[in-house]
Amino acid sequence: MKVRPLNDRILVKRLEEETTTKGGIIIPDSAKEKPAEGEVIAVGKGKINEKGDRVKMDVKVGDRVLFSKYGGTDVKFDGVDHLIMREDDILAVVER
């Protein structure tokens, strides 16, 4: 299924959280927190400013981003969990 977010919205796939620590301790599912990092899957065309011009998005498909812990709306496509959020919910782009 192909999804195209509208305006300044972004489709993000959460990255999987580590199941073991560096010391080798296994973290049970009940103790895991939702990861606040993900990969941008699709972006909208950008929001329209007060002059009627479209403002280009700062993120692009493939970027790794950090977002607020409870930001976005959970959605499921083809059995995979994703988030749809506004560009303002993105805190940072992770440079590799």
PDB file of N, CA and C in Angstrom:
ATOM      1  N   MET A   1       0.837  -1.167   0.000  1.00  0.00           N
ATOM      2  CA  MET A   1       0.000   0.000   0.000  1.00  0.00           C
ATOM      3  C   MET A   1       0.892   1.243   0.000  1.00  0.00           C
ATOM      4  N   LYS A   2       0.545   2.219  -0.799  1.00  0.00           N
ATOM      5  CA  LYS A   2       1.318   3.453  -0.870  1.00  0.00           C
ATOM      6  C   LYS A   2       0.535   4.562  -0.166  1.00  0.00           C
ATOM      7  N   VAL A   3       1.206   5.297   0.724  1.00  0.00           N
ATOM      8  CA  VAL A   3       0.579   6.352   1.501  1.00  0.00           C
ATOM      9  C   VAL A   3       1.317   7.658   1.240  1.00  0.00           C
ATOM     10  N   ARG A   4       0.560   8.729   0.988  1.00  0.00           N
ATOM     11  CA  ARG A   4       1.146  10.059   0.797  1.00  0.00           C
ATOM     12  C   ARG A   4       0.550  10.991   1.841  1.00  0.00           C
ATOM     13  N   PRO A   5       1.354  11.397   2.831  1.00  0.00           N
ATOM     14  CA  PRO A   5       0.853  12.315   3.850  1.00  0.00           C
ATOM     15  C   PRO A   5       0.498  13.674   3.228  1.00  0.00           C
ATOM     16  N   LEU A   6      -0.441  14.370   3.839  1.00  0.00           N
ATOM     17  CA  LEU A   6      -0.866  15.673   3.354  1.00  0.00           C
ATOM     18  C   LEU A   6      -0.121  16.802   4.062  1.00  0.00           C
ATOM     19  N   ASN A   7       0.062  17.899   3.344  1.00  0.00           N
ATOM     20  CA  ASN A   7       0.661  19.137   3.854  1.00  0.00           C
ATOM     21  C   ASN A   7       1.957  18.900   4.619  1.00  0.00           C
ATOM     22  N   ASP A   8       2.017  19.269   5.910  1.00  0.00           N
ATOM     23  CA  ASP A   8       3.272  19.163   6.664  1.00  0.00           C
ATOM     24  C   ASP A   8       3.324  17.911   7.535  1.00  0.00           C
ATOM     25  N   ARG A   9       2.665  16.861   7.094  1.00  0.00           N
ATOM     26  CA  ARG A   9       2.677  15.608   7.861  1.00  0.00           C
ATOM     27  C   ARG A   9       3.732  14.652   7.310  1.00  0.00           C
ATOM     28  N   ILE A  10       4.192  13.768   8.193  1.00  0.00           N
ATOM     29  CA  ILE A  10       5.282  12.844   7.872  1.00  0.00           C
ATOM     30  C   ILE A  10       4.885  11.453   8.346  1.00  0.00           C
ATOM     31  N   LEU A  11       5.182  10.425   7.537  1.00  0.00           N
ATOM     32  CA  LEU A  11       4.965   9.032   7.920  1.00  0.00           C
ATOM     33  C   LEU A  11       6.304   8.473   8.390  1.00  0.00           C
ATOM     34  N   VAL A  12       6.342   7.993   9.634  1.00  0.00           N
ATOM     35  CA  VAL A  12       7.584   7.525  10.260  1.00  0.00           C
ATOM     36  C   VAL A  12       7.410   6.090  10.721  1.00  0.00           C
ATOM     37  N   LYS A  13       8.423   5.269  10.462  1.00  0.00           N
ATOM     38  CA  LYS A  13       8.457   3.897  10.989  1.00  0.00           C
ATOM     39  C   LYS A  13       9.392   3.903  12.189  1.00  0.00           C
ATOM     40  N   ARG A  14       8.854   3.512  13.351  1.00  0.00           N
ATOM     41  CA  ARG A  14       9.688   3.454  14.559  1.00  0.00           C
ATOM     42  C   ARG A  14      10.805   2.437  14.391  1.00  0.00           C
ATOM     43  N   LEU A  15      11.990   2.781  14.877  1.00  0.00           N
ATOM     44  CA  LEU A  15      13.097   1.829  14.885  1.00  0.00           C
ATOM     45  C   LEU A  15      12.942   0.921  16.098  1.00  0.00           C
ATOM     46  N   GLU A  16      13.350  -0.310  15.944  1.00  0.00           N
ATOM     47  CA  GLU A  16      13.218  -1.298  17.022  1.00  0.00           C
ATOM     48  C   GLU A  16      14.177  -0.968  18.157  1.00  0.00           C
ATOM     49  N   GLU A  17      13.697  -1.119  19.364  1.00  0.00           N
ATOM     50  CA  GLU A  17      14.499  -0.900  20.560  1.00  0.00           C
ATOM     51  C   GLU A  17      15.394  -2.117  20.795  1.00  0.00           C
ATOM     52  N   GLU A  18      16.558  -1.886  21.348  1.00  0.00           N
ATOM     53  CA  GLU A  18      17.481  -2.973  21.662  1.00  0.00           C
ATOM     54  C   GLU A  18      16.866  -3.911  22.701  1.00  0.00           C
ATOM     55  N   THR A  19      17.083  -5.220  22.540  1.00  0.00           N
ATOM     56  CA  THR A  19      16.530  -6.185  23.495  1.00  0.00           C
ATOM     57  C   THR A  19      17.533  -6.574  24.574  1.00  0.00           C
ATOM     58  N   THR A  20      18.807  -6.245  24.383  1.00  0.00           N
ATOM     59  CA  THR A  20      19.814  -6.506  25.405  1.00  0.00           C
ATOM     60  C   THR A  20      20.672  -5.263  25.602  1.00  0.00           C
ATOM     61  N   THR A  21      21.188  -5.093  26.807  1.00  0.00           N
ATOM     62  CA  THR A  21      22.069  -3.966  27.089  1.00  0.00           C
ATOM     63  C   THR A  21      23.482  -4.315  26.636  1.00  0.00           C
ATOM     64  N   LYS A  22      24.376  -3.333  26.676  1.00  0.00           N
ATOM     65  CA  LYS A  22      25.772  -3.585  26.297  1.00  0.00           C
ATOM     66  C   LYS A  22      26.429  -4.596  27.236  1.00  0.00           C
ATOM     67  N   GLY A  23      25.938  -4.670  28.478  1.00  0.00           N
ATOM     68  CA  GLY A  23      26.464  -5.612  29.454  1.00  0.00           C
ATOM     69  C   GLY A  23      25.897  -7.015  29.313  1.00  0.00           C
ATOM     70  N   GLY A  24      24.934  -7.207  28.380  1.00  0.00           N
ATOM     71  CA  GLY A  24      24.375  -8.528  28.142  1.00  0.00           C
ATOM     72  C   GLY A  24      23.080  -8.818  28.869  1.00  0.00           C
ATOM     73  N   ILE A  25      22.532  -7.820  29.574  1.00  0.00           N
ATOM     74  CA  ILE A  25      21.274  -8.026  30.295  1.00  0.00           C
ATOM     75  C   ILE A  25      20.118  -7.961  29.303  1.00  0.00           C
ATOM     76  N   ILE A  26      19.245  -8.951  29.359  1.00  0.00           N
ATOM     77  CA  ILE A  26      18.084  -9.004  28.458  1.00  0.00           C
ATOM     78  C   ILE A  26      16.954  -8.180  29.061  1.00  0.00           C
ATOM     79  N   ILE A  27      16.403  -7.269  28.252  1.00  0.00           N
ATOM     80  CA  ILE A  27      15.315  -6.406  28.708  1.00  0.00           C
ATOM     81  C   ILE A  27      13.986  -7.056  28.329  1.00  0.00           C
ATOM     82  N   PRO A  28      13.110  -7.338  29.310  1.00  0.00           N
ATOM     83  CA  PRO A  28      11.809  -7.942  28.982  1.00  0.00           C
ATOM     84  C   PRO A  28      10.899  -6.932  28.281  1.00  0.00           C
ATOM     85  N   ASP A  29       9.927  -7.431  27.513  1.00  0.00           N
ATOM     86  CA  ASP A  29       9.013  -6.567  26.770  1.00  0.00           C
ATOM     87  C   ASP A  29       8.260  -5.604  27.676  1.00  0.00           C
ATOM     88  N   SER A  30       7.929  -6.032  28.881  1.00  0.00           N
ATOM     89  CA  SER A  30       7.158  -5.184  29.796  1.00  0.00           C
ATOM     90  C   SER A  30       7.966  -3.976  30.288  1.00  0.00           C
ATOM     91  N   ALA A  31       9.288  -4.042  30.233  1.00  0.00           N
ATOM     92  CA  ALA A  31      10.130  -2.953  30.716  1.00  0.00           C
ATOM     93  C   ALA A  31      10.595  -2.016  29.598  1.00  0.00           C
ATOM     94  N   LYS A  32      10.298  -2.369  28.363  1.00  0.00           N
ATOM     95  CA  LYS A  32      10.744  -1.542  27.239  1.00  0.00           C
ATOM     96  C   LYS A  32       9.867  -0.306  27.102  1.00  0.00           C
ATOM     97  N   GLU A  33      10.507   0.794  26.706  1.00  0.00           N
ATOM     98  CA  GLU A  33       9.772   2.006  26.391  1.00  0.00           C
ATOM     99  C   GLU A  33       9.646   2.116  24.884  1.00  0.00           C
ATOM    100  N   LYS A  34       8.664   2.889  24.430  1.00  0.00           N
ATOM    101  CA  LYS A  34       8.523   3.107  22.997  1.00  0.00           C
ATOM    102  C   LYS A  34       9.731   3.904  22.512  1.00  0.00           C
ATOM    103  N   PRO A  35      10.375   3.464  21.434  1.00  0.00           N
ATOM    104  CA  PRO A  35      11.516   4.218  20.936  1.00  0.00           C
ATOM    105  C   PRO A  35      11.070   5.570  20.396  1.00  0.00           C
ATOM    106  N   ALA A  36      11.904   6.584  20.583  1.00  0.00           N
ATOM    107  CA  ALA A  36      11.602   7.936  20.102  1.00  0.00           C
ATOM    108  C   ALA A  36      12.457   8.254  18.888  1.00  0.00           C
ATOM    109  N   GLU A  37      12.843   7.213  18.156  1.00  0.00           N
ATOM    110  CA  GLU A  37      13.648   7.382  16.946  1.00  0.00           C
ATOM    111  C   GLU A  37      13.008   6.561  15.840  1.00  0.00           C
ATOM    112  N   GLY A  38      13.048   7.098  14.624  1.00  0.00           N
ATOM    113  CA  GLY A  38      12.443   6.386  13.515  1.00  0.00           C
ATOM    114  C   GLY A  38      13.000   6.817  12.182  1.00  0.00           C
ATOM    115  N   GLU A  39      12.526   6.149  11.135  1.00  0.00           N
ATOM    116  CA  GLU A  39      12.951   6.452   9.767  1.00  0.00           C
ATOM    117  C   GLU A  39      11.764   7.036   9.010  1.00  0.00           C
ATOM    118  N   VAL A  40      12.025   8.121   8.288  1.00  0.00           N
ATOM    119  CA  VAL A  40      10.973   8.774   7.516  1.00  0.00           C
ATOM    120  C   VAL A  40      10.673   7.921   6.285  1.00  0.00           C
ATOM    121  N   ILE A  41       9.409   7.524   6.132  1.00  0.00           N
ATOM    122  CA  ILE A  41       8.961   6.687   5.022  1.00  0.00           C
ATOM    123  C   ILE A  41       8.361   7.535   3.908  1.00  0.00           C
ATOM    124  N   ALA A  42       7.601   8.581   4.269  1.00  0.00           N
ATOM    125  CA  ALA A  42       6.971   9.462   3.282  1.00  0.00           C
ATOM    126  C   ALA A  42       6.761  10.835   3.896  1.00  0.00           C
ATOM    127  N   VAL A  43       6.799  11.871   3.061  1.00  0.00           N
ATOM    128  CA  VAL A  43       6.571  13.242   3.529  1.00  0.00           C
ATOM    129  C   VAL A  43       5.532  13.920   2.645  1.00  0.00           C
ATOM    130  N   GLY A  44       4.820  14.869   3.239  1.00  0.00           N
ATOM    131  CA  GLY A  44       3.866  15.674   2.484  1.00  0.00           C
ATOM    132  C   GLY A  44       4.599  16.753   1.702  1.00  0.00           C
ATOM    133  N   LYS A  45       3.842  17.607   1.025  1.00  0.00           N
ATOM    134  CA  LYS A  45       4.427  18.658   0.197  1.00  0.00           C
ATOM    135  C   LYS A  45       4.839  19.883   0.992  1.00  0.00           C
ATOM    136  N   GLY A  46       4.434  19.982   2.243  1.00  0.00           N
ATOM    137  CA  GLY A  46       4.765  21.133   3.078  1.00  0.00           C
ATOM    138  C   GLY A  46       3.542  21.977   3.349  1.00  0.00           C
ATOM    139  N   LYS A  47       3.622  22.785   4.410  1.00  0.00           N
ATOM    140  CA  LYS A  47       2.456  23.603   4.757  1.00  0.00           C
ATOM    141  C   LYS A  47       2.450  24.896   3.947  1.00  0.00           C
ATOM    142  N   ILE A  48       1.312  25.532   3.916  1.00  0.00           N
ATOM    143  CA  ILE A  48       1.141  26.774   3.171  1.00  0.00           C
ATOM    144  C   ILE A  48       1.200  27.927   4.161  1.00  0.00           C
ATOM    145  N   ASN A  49       2.062  28.935   3.871  1.00  0.00           N
ATOM    146  CA  ASN A  49       2.189  30.070   4.784  1.00  0.00           C
ATOM    147  C   ASN A  49       1.075  31.083   4.557  1.00  0.00           C
ATOM    148  N   GLU A  50       1.118  32.184   5.314  1.00  0.00           N
ATOM    149  CA  GLU A  50       0.049  33.182   5.238  1.00  0.00           C
ATOM    150  C   GLU A  50      -0.022  33.903   3.893  1.00  0.00           C
ATOM    151  N   LYS A  51       1.060  33.869   3.106  1.00  0.00           N
ATOM    152  CA  LYS A  51       1.063  34.484   1.770  1.00  0.00           C
ATOM    153  C   LYS A  51       0.505  33.537   0.703  1.00  0.00           C
ATOM    154  N   GLY A  52       0.268  32.284   1.084  1.00  0.00           N
ATOM    155  CA  GLY A  52      -0.240  31.297   0.140  1.00  0.00           C
ATOM    156  C   GLY A  52       0.847  30.486  -0.549  1.00  0.00           C
ATOM    157  N   ASP A  53       2.102  30.681  -0.136  1.00  0.00           N
ATOM    158  CA  ASP A  53       3.225  29.934  -0.718  1.00  0.00           C
ATOM    159  C   ASP A  53       3.447  28.657   0.081  1.00  0.00           C
ATOM    160  N   ARG A  54       3.859  27.597  -0.613  1.00  0.00           N
ATOM    161  CA  ARG A  54       4.135  26.328   0.052  1.00  0.00           C
ATOM    162  C   ARG A  54       5.560  26.360   0.615  1.00  0.00           C
ATOM    163  N   VAL A  55       5.703  26.011   1.892  1.00  0.00           N
ATOM    164  CA  VAL A  55       6.994  25.975   2.574  1.00  0.00           C
ATOM    165  C   VAL A  55       7.544  24.562   2.481  1.00  0.00           C
ATOM    166  N   LYS A  56       8.747  24.428   1.926  1.00  0.00           N
ATOM    167  CA  LYS A  56       9.380  23.123   1.726  1.00  0.00           C
ATOM    168  C   LYS A  56       9.700  22.450   3.067  1.00  0.00           C
ATOM    169  N   MET A  57       9.580  21.129   3.095  1.00  0.00           N
ATOM    170  CA  MET A  57       9.861  20.342   4.298  1.00  0.00           C
ATOM    171  C   MET A  57      11.375  20.262   4.540  1.00  0.00           C
ATOM    172  N   ASP A  58      11.772  20.228   5.835  1.00  0.00           N
ATOM    173  CA  ASP A  58      13.185  20.101   6.197  1.00  0.00           C
ATOM    174  C   ASP A  58      13.653  18.651   6.216  1.00  0.00           C
ATOM    175  N   VAL A  59      12.731  17.703   6.296  1.00  0.00           N
ATOM    176  CA  VAL A  59      13.099  16.289   6.312  1.00  0.00           C
ATOM    177  C   VAL A  59      12.741  15.648   4.979  1.00  0.00           C
ATOM    178  N   LYS A  60      13.439  14.551   4.680  1.00  0.00           N
ATOM    179  CA  LYS A  60      13.168  13.837   3.428  1.00  0.00           C
ATOM    180  C   LYS A  60      13.080  12.345   3.713  1.00  0.00           C
ATOM    181  N   VAL A  61      12.595  11.601   2.756  1.00  0.00           N
ATOM    182  CA  VAL A  61      12.460  10.154   2.892  1.00  0.00           C
ATOM    183  C   VAL A  61      13.837   9.545   3.147  1.00  0.00           C
ATOM    184  N   GLY A  62      13.913   8.652   4.124  1.00  0.00           N
ATOM    185  CA  GLY A  62      15.166   7.986   4.466  1.00  0.00           C
ATOM    186  C   GLY A  62      15.887   8.606   5.647  1.00  0.00           C
ATOM    187  N   ASP A  63      15.507   9.828   6.064  1.00  0.00           N
ATOM    188  CA  ASP A  63      16.142  10.463   7.221  1.00  0.00           C
ATOM    189  C   ASP A  63      15.806   9.699   8.491  1.00  0.00           C
ATOM    190  N   ARG A  64      16.769   9.650   9.407  1.00  0.00           N
ATOM    191  CA  ARG A  64      16.528   9.124  10.756  1.00  0.00           C
ATOM    192  C   ARG A  64      16.210  10.315  11.629  1.00  0.00           C
ATOM    193  N   VAL A  65      15.102  10.254  12.346  1.00  0.00           N
ATOM    194  CA  VAL A  65      14.655  11.403  13.122  1.00  0.00           C
ATOM    195  C   VAL A  65      14.378  11.024  14.572  1.00  0.00           C
ATOM    196  N   LEU A  66      14.497  12.019  15.448  1.00  0.00           N
ATOM    197  CA  LEU A  66      14.101  11.896  16.847  1.00  0.00           C
ATOM    198  C   LEU A  66      12.817  12.685  17.014  1.00  0.00           C
ATOM    199  N   PHE A  67      11.861  12.126  17.750  1.00  0.00           N
ATOM    200  CA  PHE A  67      10.589  12.803  17.939  1.00  0.00           C
ATOM    201  C   PHE A  67      10.146  12.673  19.380  1.00  0.00           C
ATOM    202  N   SER A  68       9.170  13.479  19.774  1.00  0.00           N
ATOM    203  CA  SER A  68       8.700  13.448  21.149  1.00  0.00           C
ATOM    204  C   SER A  68       8.085  12.084  21.462  1.00  0.00           C
ATOM    205  N   LYS A  69       8.207  11.673  22.695  1.00  0.00           N
ATOM    206  CA  LYS A  69       7.815  10.326  23.124  1.00  0.00           C
ATOM    207  C   LYS A  69       6.363  10.000  22.795  1.00  0.00           C
ATOM    208  N   TYR A  70       5.467  10.961  22.990  1.00  0.00           N
ATOM    209  CA  TYR A  70       4.052  10.710  22.759  1.00  0.00           C
ATOM    210  C   TYR A  70       3.531  11.459  21.537  1.00  0.00           C
ATOM    211  N   GLY A  71       4.431  11.858  20.640  1.00  0.00           N
ATOM    212  CA  GLY A  71       4.028  12.597  19.449  1.00  0.00           C
ATOM    213  C   GLY A  71       3.467  11.678  18.371  1.00  0.00           C
ATOM    214  N   GLY A  72       2.638  12.242  17.514  1.00  0.00           N
ATOM    215  CA  GLY A  72       2.121  11.508  16.373  1.00  0.00           C
ATOM    216  C   GLY A  72       0.925  10.628  16.687  1.00  0.00           C
ATOM    217  N   THR A  73       0.382  10.051  15.632  1.00  0.00           N
ATOM    218  CA  THR A  73      -0.763   9.149  15.720  1.00  0.00           C
ATOM    219  C   THR A  73      -0.345   7.776  15.218  1.00  0.00           C
ATOM    220  N   ASP A  74      -0.574   6.744  16.013  1.00  0.00           N
ATOM    221  CA  ASP A  74      -0.211   5.380  15.616  1.00  0.00           C
ATOM    222  C   ASP A  74      -1.162   4.884  14.538  1.00  0.00           C
ATOM    223  N   VAL A  75      -0.581   4.336  13.447  1.00  0.00           N
ATOM    224  CA  VAL A  75      -1.350   3.728  12.366  1.00  0.00           C
ATOM    225  C   VAL A  75      -0.656   2.432  11.962  1.00  0.00           C
ATOM    226  N   LYS A  76      -1.390   1.527  11.314  1.00  0.00           N
ATOM    227  CA  LYS A  76      -0.826   0.251  10.898  1.00  0.00           C
ATOM    228  C   LYS A  76      -1.086   0.067   9.409  1.00  0.00           C
ATOM    229  N   PHE A  77      -0.019  -0.152   8.619  1.00  0.00           N
ATOM    230  CA  PHE A  77      -0.117  -0.423   7.193  1.00  0.00           C
ATOM    231  C   PHE A  77       0.558  -1.743   6.894  1.00  0.00           C
ATOM    232  N   ASP A  78      -0.151  -2.641   6.231  1.00  0.00           N
ATOM    233  CA  ASP A  78       0.389  -3.951   5.858  1.00  0.00           C
ATOM    234  C   ASP A  78       0.992  -4.681   7.053  1.00  0.00           C
ATOM    235  N   GLY A  79       0.377  -4.534   8.234  1.00  0.00           N
ATOM    236  CA  GLY A  79       0.832  -5.232   9.430  1.00  0.00           C
ATOM    237  C   GLY A  79       2.026  -4.608  10.123  1.00  0.00           C
ATOM    238  N   VAL A  80       2.468  -3.427   9.689  1.00  0.00           N
ATOM    239  CA  VAL A  80       3.624  -2.755  10.279  1.00  0.00           C
ATOM    240  C   VAL A  80       3.151  -1.463  10.944  1.00  0.00           C
ATOM    241  N   ASP A  81       3.592  -1.227  12.179  1.00  0.00           N
ATOM    242  CA  ASP A  81       3.218  -0.011  12.908  1.00  0.00           C
ATOM    243  C   ASP A  81       4.006   1.187  12.405  1.00  0.00           C
ATOM    244  N   HIS A  82       3.297   2.293  12.190  1.00  0.00           N
ATOM    245  CA  HIS A  82       3.892   3.553  11.766  1.00  0.00           C
ATOM    246  C   HIS A  82       3.312   4.683  12.604  1.00  0.00           C
ATOM    247  N   LEU A  83       3.879   5.861  12.459  1.00  0.00           N
ATOM    248  CA  LEU A  83       3.356   7.072  13.077  1.00  0.00           C
ATOM    249  C   LEU A  83       3.136   8.108  11.986  1.00  0.00           C
ATOM    250  N   ILE A  84       2.045   8.862  12.090  1.00  0.00           N
ATOM    251  CA  ILE A  84       1.863  10.039  11.248  1.00  0.00           C
ATOM    252  C   ILE A  84       1.937  11.232  12.176  1.00  0.00           C
ATOM    253  N   MET A  85       2.842  12.165  11.873  1.00  0.00           N
ATOM    254  CA  MET A  85       3.039  13.325  12.729  1.00  0.00           C
ATOM    255  C   MET A  85       3.298  14.564  11.902  1.00  0.00           C
ATOM    256  N   ARG A  86       3.146  15.704  12.519  1.00  0.00           N
ATOM    257  CA  ARG A  86       3.466  16.965  11.862  1.00  0.00           C
ATOM    258  C   ARG A  86       4.973  17.186  11.916  1.00  0.00           C
ATOM    259  N   GLU A  87       5.454  17.993  11.000  1.00  0.00           N
ATOM    260  CA  GLU A  87       6.884  18.293  10.974  1.00  0.00           C
ATOM    261  C   GLU A  87       7.320  18.938  12.293  1.00  0.00           C
ATOM    262  N   ASP A  88       6.447  19.696  12.932  1.00  0.00           N
ATOM    263  CA  ASP A  88       6.785  20.350  14.209  1.00  0.00           C
ATOM    264  C   ASP A  88       7.044  19.351  15.337  1.00  0.00           C
ATOM    265  N   ASP A  89       6.541  18.104  15.208  1.00  0.00           N
ATOM    266  CA  ASP A  89       6.765  17.077  16.219  1.00  0.00           C
ATOM    267  C   ASP A  89       8.167  16.466  16.134  1.00  0.00           C
ATOM    268  N   ILE A  90       8.861  16.702  15.014  1.00  0.00           N
ATOM    269  CA  ILE A  90      10.228  16.195  14.842  1.00  0.00           C
ATOM    270  C   ILE A  90      11.172  17.093  15.628  1.00  0.00           C
ATOM    271  N   LEU A  91      11.983  16.493  16.496  1.00  0.00           N
ATOM    272  CA  LEU A  91      12.915  17.249  17.315  1.00  0.00           C
ATOM    273  C   LEU A  91      14.264  17.435  16.643  1.00  0.00           C
ATOM    274  N   ALA A  92      14.721  16.404  15.906  1.00  0.00           N
ATOM    275  CA  ALA A  92      16.053  16.470  15.292  1.00  0.00           C
ATOM    276  C   ALA A  92      16.177  15.412  14.208  1.00  0.00           C
ATOM    277  N   VAL A  93      17.103  15.660  13.281  1.00  0.00           N
ATOM    278  CA  VAL A  93      17.485  14.674  12.271  1.00  0.00           C
ATOM    279  C   VAL A  93      18.827  14.114  12.701  1.00  0.00           C
ATOM    280  N   VAL A  94      18.947  12.793  12.739  1.00  0.00           N
ATOM    281  CA  VAL A  94      20.194  12.134  13.158  1.00  0.00           C
ATOM    282  C   VAL A  94      21.100  12.023  11.942  1.00  0.00           C
ATOM    283  N   GLU A  95      22.269  12.675  12.018  1.00  0.00           N
ATOM    284  CA  GLU A  95      23.263  12.606  10.937  1.00  0.00           C
ATOM    285  C   GLU A  95      24.089  11.340  11.120  1.00  0.00           C
ATOM    286  N   ARG A  96      24.362  10.659  10.030  1.00  0.00           N
ATOM    287  CA  ARG A  96      25.122   9.401  10.111  1.00  0.00           C
ATOM    288  C   ARG A  96      26.562   9.607   9.850  1.00  0.00           C
TER     289      ARG A  96
END
